[in-house]
Every structure is written in structure tokens, then in C-alpha cells.
Amino acid sequence: RSHSLELLPGIGKKHLNDLLDAREKEKFSSFEDAQSRVPHLGKVKEIFVHRILEELKGDSKYYLFVKIPQKPQEHRPRRDFRGR
């Protein structure tokens, strides 16, 4: 199984373990806090923004931050009570 944090771009097993270990010691107070406590993580705010934009486009298999977009329903002509 994978953790939902692995769905963020640039978060692999190593960063995931580092994030979870740091969070276990003390919860993160901000993106900057996470960035300073987890070495080589990169710009945390940009990682989240990238993921949210991807989800808003509707191209994701999994959705963490955005409601799953509804697929447009196919328009079918209405029939009268006789099936016409």
C-alpha cells in the first residue's frame, strides 16, 4: 500500500519516511516548518500547488484536495409515454 503523501510530486519512499518521522516528533506548523525539518524536500508549498492544479484539471486517478469531478451526462432525447 502507498501513503497518500506519495501522490504528491517529488515525494518518494525516502521523503515519505522522513516526513512521517518528523511529524511523529512534532506536528508541522507550516509549509516552511516541514521544508526546514525534512532535508532535500524542496519547496513544499509548490508541491501542494502542483498537485491541486493537477486535480482541478480532472486528470488524476486519486483526489486528495479536490472533489472528484462529475463526468458530463450524455444528452438523450426525451421520449413520450408511448416510447416515441
N, C-alpha and C. Protein backbone atom coordinates (compact mmCIF):
# COMPACT_ATOMS: atom_id res chain seq x y z
N ARG A 1 0.83 -1.19 0.00
CA ARG A 1 0.00 0.00 0.00
C ARG A 1 0.87 1.25 0.00
N SER A 2 0.34 2.27 -0.56
CA SER A 2 1.08 3.53 -0.55
C SER A 2 0.35 4.53 0.34
N HIS A 3 1.08 5.48 0.82
CA HIS A 3 0.54 6.54 1.64
C HIS A 3 0.09 7.65 0.69
N SER A 4 -0.95 8.39 1.06
CA SER A 4 -1.45 9.44 0.18
C SER A 4 -0.42 10.54 -0.08
N LEU A 5 0.53 10.72 0.83
CA LEU A 5 1.58 11.71 0.60
C LEU A 5 2.45 11.35 -0.60
N GLU A 6 2.53 10.07 -0.93
CA GLU A 6 3.32 9.65 -2.09
C GLU A 6 2.70 10.12 -3.40
N LEU A 7 1.45 10.55 -3.37
CA LEU A 7 0.81 11.06 -4.58
C LEU A 7 1.28 12.48 -4.90
N LEU A 8 1.95 13.12 -3.96
CA LEU A 8 2.48 14.45 -4.21
C LEU A 8 3.74 14.34 -5.07
N PRO A 9 3.90 15.24 -6.05
CA PRO A 9 5.07 15.16 -6.92
C PRO A 9 6.36 15.36 -6.13
N GLY A 10 7.33 14.49 -6.37
CA GLY A 10 8.61 14.60 -5.70
C GLY A 10 8.69 13.91 -4.35
N ILE A 11 7.60 13.29 -3.91
CA ILE A 11 7.59 12.59 -2.63
C ILE A 11 7.67 11.10 -2.92
N GLY A 12 8.83 10.53 -2.64
CA GLY A 12 9.02 9.09 -2.79
C GLY A 12 9.07 8.45 -1.41
N LYS A 13 9.52 7.22 -1.39
CA LYS A 13 9.57 6.46 -0.12
C LYS A 13 10.46 7.15 0.92
N LYS A 14 11.63 7.64 0.49
CA LYS A 14 12.55 8.26 1.44
C LYS A 14 11.96 9.52 2.05
N HIS A 15 11.45 10.43 1.19
CA HIS A 15 10.85 11.66 1.71
C HIS A 15 9.61 11.34 2.55
N LEU A 16 8.86 10.35 2.14
CA LEU A 16 7.68 9.96 2.90
C LEU A 16 8.08 9.54 4.32
N ASN A 17 9.07 8.68 4.41
CA ASN A 17 9.53 8.22 5.73
C ASN A 17 10.07 9.39 6.56
N ASP A 18 10.82 10.28 5.92
CA ASP A 18 11.35 11.45 6.63
C ASP A 18 10.22 12.35 7.14
N LEU A 19 9.21 12.56 6.29
CA LEU A 19 8.06 13.38 6.70
C LEU A 19 7.31 12.76 7.87
N LEU A 20 7.05 11.46 7.77
CA LEU A 20 6.30 10.79 8.83
C LEU A 20 7.08 10.76 10.14
N ASP A 21 8.39 10.55 10.05
CA ASP A 21 9.22 10.56 11.26
C ASP A 21 9.22 11.94 11.92
N ALA A 22 9.38 12.98 11.11
CA ALA A 22 9.41 14.35 11.65
C ALA A 22 8.05 14.72 12.24
N ARG A 23 6.98 14.31 11.59
CA ARG A 23 5.63 14.62 12.09
C ARG A 23 5.34 13.88 13.38
N GLU A 24 5.91 12.69 13.54
CA GLU A 24 5.71 11.91 14.76
C GLU A 24 6.32 12.63 15.96
N LYS A 25 7.46 13.27 15.74
CA LYS A 25 8.13 14.00 16.82
C LYS A 25 7.34 15.25 17.21
N GLU A 26 6.86 15.97 16.18
CA GLU A 26 6.07 17.18 16.41
C GLU A 26 5.33 17.52 15.12
N LYS A 27 4.06 17.89 15.25
CA LYS A 27 3.28 18.26 14.06
C LYS A 27 3.90 19.48 13.40
N PHE A 28 3.74 19.56 12.09
CA PHE A 28 4.25 20.70 11.33
C PHE A 28 3.35 21.90 11.57
N SER A 29 3.96 23.05 11.70
CA SER A 29 3.18 24.28 11.92
C SER A 29 2.95 25.05 10.63
N SER A 30 3.74 24.75 9.59
CA SER A 30 3.60 25.46 8.32
C SER A 30 4.36 24.68 7.24
N PHE A 31 4.20 25.13 6.01
CA PHE A 31 4.96 24.53 4.91
C PHE A 31 6.46 24.76 5.15
N GLU A 32 6.80 25.96 5.61
CA GLU A 32 8.19 26.29 5.86
C GLU A 32 8.78 25.40 6.95
N ASP A 33 7.97 25.08 7.96
CA ASP A 33 8.42 24.19 9.03
C ASP A 33 8.75 22.80 8.47
N ALA A 34 7.89 22.29 7.63
CA ALA A 34 8.12 20.98 7.01
C ALA A 34 9.37 21.02 6.15
N GLN A 35 9.52 22.08 5.39
CA GLN A 35 10.67 22.22 4.50
C GLN A 35 11.97 22.28 5.29
N SER A 36 11.97 22.95 6.43
CA SER A 36 13.19 23.08 7.21
C SER A 36 13.53 21.79 7.98
N ARG A 37 12.52 21.02 8.36
CA ARG A 37 12.76 19.82 9.15
C ARG A 37 13.01 18.56 8.33
N VAL A 38 12.66 18.58 7.05
CA VAL A 38 12.88 17.42 6.18
C VAL A 38 13.88 17.83 5.09
N PRO A 39 15.11 17.34 5.21
CA PRO A 39 16.15 17.77 4.27
C PRO A 39 15.86 17.34 2.83
N HIS A 40 16.21 18.21 1.90
CA HIS A 40 16.13 17.94 0.46
C HIS A 40 14.69 17.73 -0.04
N LEU A 41 13.73 18.20 0.70
CA LEU A 41 12.33 18.00 0.29
C LEU A 41 11.94 18.93 -0.85
N GLY A 42 12.51 20.09 -0.90
CA GLY A 42 12.14 21.04 -1.94
C GLY A 42 11.12 22.04 -1.42
N LYS A 43 10.50 22.76 -2.31
CA LYS A 43 9.54 23.79 -1.93
C LYS A 43 8.18 23.15 -1.70
N VAL A 44 7.85 22.96 -0.45
CA VAL A 44 6.65 22.22 -0.07
C VAL A 44 5.38 22.87 -0.61
N LYS A 45 5.31 24.19 -0.51
CA LYS A 45 4.12 24.89 -0.99
C LYS A 45 3.90 24.63 -2.48
N GLU A 46 4.95 24.65 -3.26
CA GLU A 46 4.85 24.40 -4.70
C GLU A 46 4.44 22.96 -5.00
N ILE A 47 4.88 22.02 -4.17
CA ILE A 47 4.49 20.62 -4.34
C ILE A 47 2.98 20.49 -4.19
N PHE A 48 2.41 21.13 -3.18
CA PHE A 48 0.97 21.06 -2.96
C PHE A 48 0.21 21.79 -4.06
N VAL A 49 0.70 22.95 -4.46
CA VAL A 49 0.04 23.71 -5.54
C VAL A 49 0.00 22.89 -6.81
N HIS A 50 1.11 22.25 -7.16
CA HIS A 50 1.17 21.42 -8.37
C HIS A 50 0.12 20.32 -8.32
N ARG A 51 0.02 19.65 -7.18
CA ARG A 51 -0.94 18.55 -7.04
C ARG A 51 -2.38 19.05 -7.14
N ILE A 52 -2.68 20.16 -6.50
CA ILE A 52 -4.04 20.70 -6.53
C ILE A 52 -4.42 21.10 -7.95
N LEU A 53 -3.50 21.74 -8.68
CA LEU A 53 -3.78 22.12 -10.07
C LEU A 53 -4.02 20.90 -10.94
N GLU A 54 -3.25 19.84 -10.72
CA GLU A 54 -3.44 18.60 -11.47
C GLU A 54 -4.84 18.04 -11.21
N GLU A 55 -5.27 18.06 -9.95
CA GLU A 55 -6.60 17.54 -9.62
C GLU A 55 -7.70 18.41 -10.21
N LEU A 56 -7.51 19.72 -10.22
CA LEU A 56 -8.51 20.62 -10.79
C LEU A 56 -8.71 20.39 -12.28
N LYS A 57 -7.65 19.95 -12.97
CA LYS A 57 -7.76 19.65 -14.40
C LYS A 57 -8.59 18.39 -14.63
N GLY A 58 -8.75 17.57 -13.59
CA GLY A 58 -9.54 16.35 -13.72
C GLY A 58 -8.76 15.18 -14.28
N ASP A 59 -7.43 15.26 -14.27
CA ASP A 59 -6.60 14.22 -14.87
C ASP A 59 -6.11 13.18 -13.87
N SER A 60 -6.48 13.30 -12.62
CA SER A 60 -5.94 12.43 -11.58
C SER A 60 -6.73 11.15 -11.42
N LYS A 61 -6.02 10.12 -11.01
CA LYS A 61 -6.68 8.86 -10.68
C LYS A 61 -7.22 8.92 -9.25
N TYR A 62 -6.48 9.62 -8.38
CA TYR A 62 -6.86 9.79 -6.99
C TYR A 62 -6.97 11.28 -6.68
N TYR A 63 -7.90 11.64 -5.81
CA TYR A 63 -8.11 13.03 -5.45
C TYR A 63 -7.94 13.20 -3.95
N LEU A 64 -7.00 14.07 -3.57
CA LEU A 64 -6.72 14.34 -2.16
C LEU A 64 -7.33 15.65 -1.70
N PHE A 65 -7.36 16.66 -2.58
CA PHE A 65 -7.73 18.02 -2.18
C PHE A 65 -8.97 18.55 -2.88
N VAL A 66 -9.36 17.96 -3.98
CA VAL A 66 -10.45 18.47 -4.81
C VAL A 66 -11.53 17.40 -4.91
N LYS A 67 -12.79 17.84 -4.93
CA LYS A 67 -13.87 16.86 -5.14
C LYS A 67 -13.71 16.21 -6.51
N ILE A 68 -14.02 14.95 -6.56
CA ILE A 68 -13.92 14.22 -7.83
C ILE A 68 -14.88 14.86 -8.83
N PRO A 69 -14.38 15.27 -10.00
CA PRO A 69 -15.26 15.93 -10.97
C PRO A 69 -16.29 14.96 -11.53
N GLN A 70 -17.50 15.46 -11.71
CA GLN A 70 -18.56 14.66 -12.29
C GLN A 70 -18.39 14.63 -13.80
N LYS A 71 -18.55 13.47 -14.37
CA LYS A 71 -18.48 13.35 -15.83
C LYS A 71 -19.79 13.87 -16.42
N PRO A 72 -19.71 14.62 -17.51
CA PRO A 72 -20.94 15.13 -18.12
C PRO A 72 -21.82 13.99 -18.60
N GLN A 73 -23.11 14.11 -18.33
CA GLN A 73 -24.04 13.07 -18.77
C GLN A 73 -24.36 13.25 -20.24
N GLU A 74 -24.50 12.12 -20.91
CA GLU A 74 -24.82 12.14 -22.32
C GLU A 74 -26.27 12.60 -22.47
N HIS A 75 -26.50 13.52 -23.39
CA HIS A 75 -27.85 14.03 -23.61
C HIS A 75 -28.64 13.04 -24.47
N ARG A 76 -29.76 12.61 -23.96
CA ARG A 76 -30.63 11.71 -24.71
C ARG A 76 -31.97 12.42 -24.91
N PRO A 77 -32.51 12.34 -26.12
CA PRO A 77 -33.81 12.98 -26.33
C PRO A 77 -34.88 12.30 -25.48
N ARG A 78 -35.79 13.11 -24.96
CA ARG A 78 -36.87 12.57 -24.14
C ARG A 78 -37.89 11.87 -25.02
N ARG A 79 -38.45 10.81 -24.50
CA ARG A 79 -39.48 10.08 -25.23
C ARG A 79 -40.82 10.33 -24.57
N ASP A 80 -41.88 10.27 -25.37
CA ASP A 80 -43.20 10.43 -24.76
C ASP A 80 -43.63 9.10 -24.14
N PHE A 81 -44.79 9.07 -23.54
CA PHE A 81 -45.23 7.89 -22.79
C PHE A 81 -45.42 6.67 -23.69
N ARG A 82 -45.48 6.84 -25.01
CA ARG A 82 -45.63 5.70 -25.91
C ARG A 82 -44.28 5.18 -26.42
N GLY A 83 -43.17 5.74 -25.88
CA GLY A 83 -41.85 5.25 -26.27
C GLY A 83 -41.32 5.90 -27.54
N ARG A 84 -41.95 6.99 -27.99
CA ARG A 84 -41.51 7.66 -29.22
C ARG A 84 -40.65 8.86 -28.91
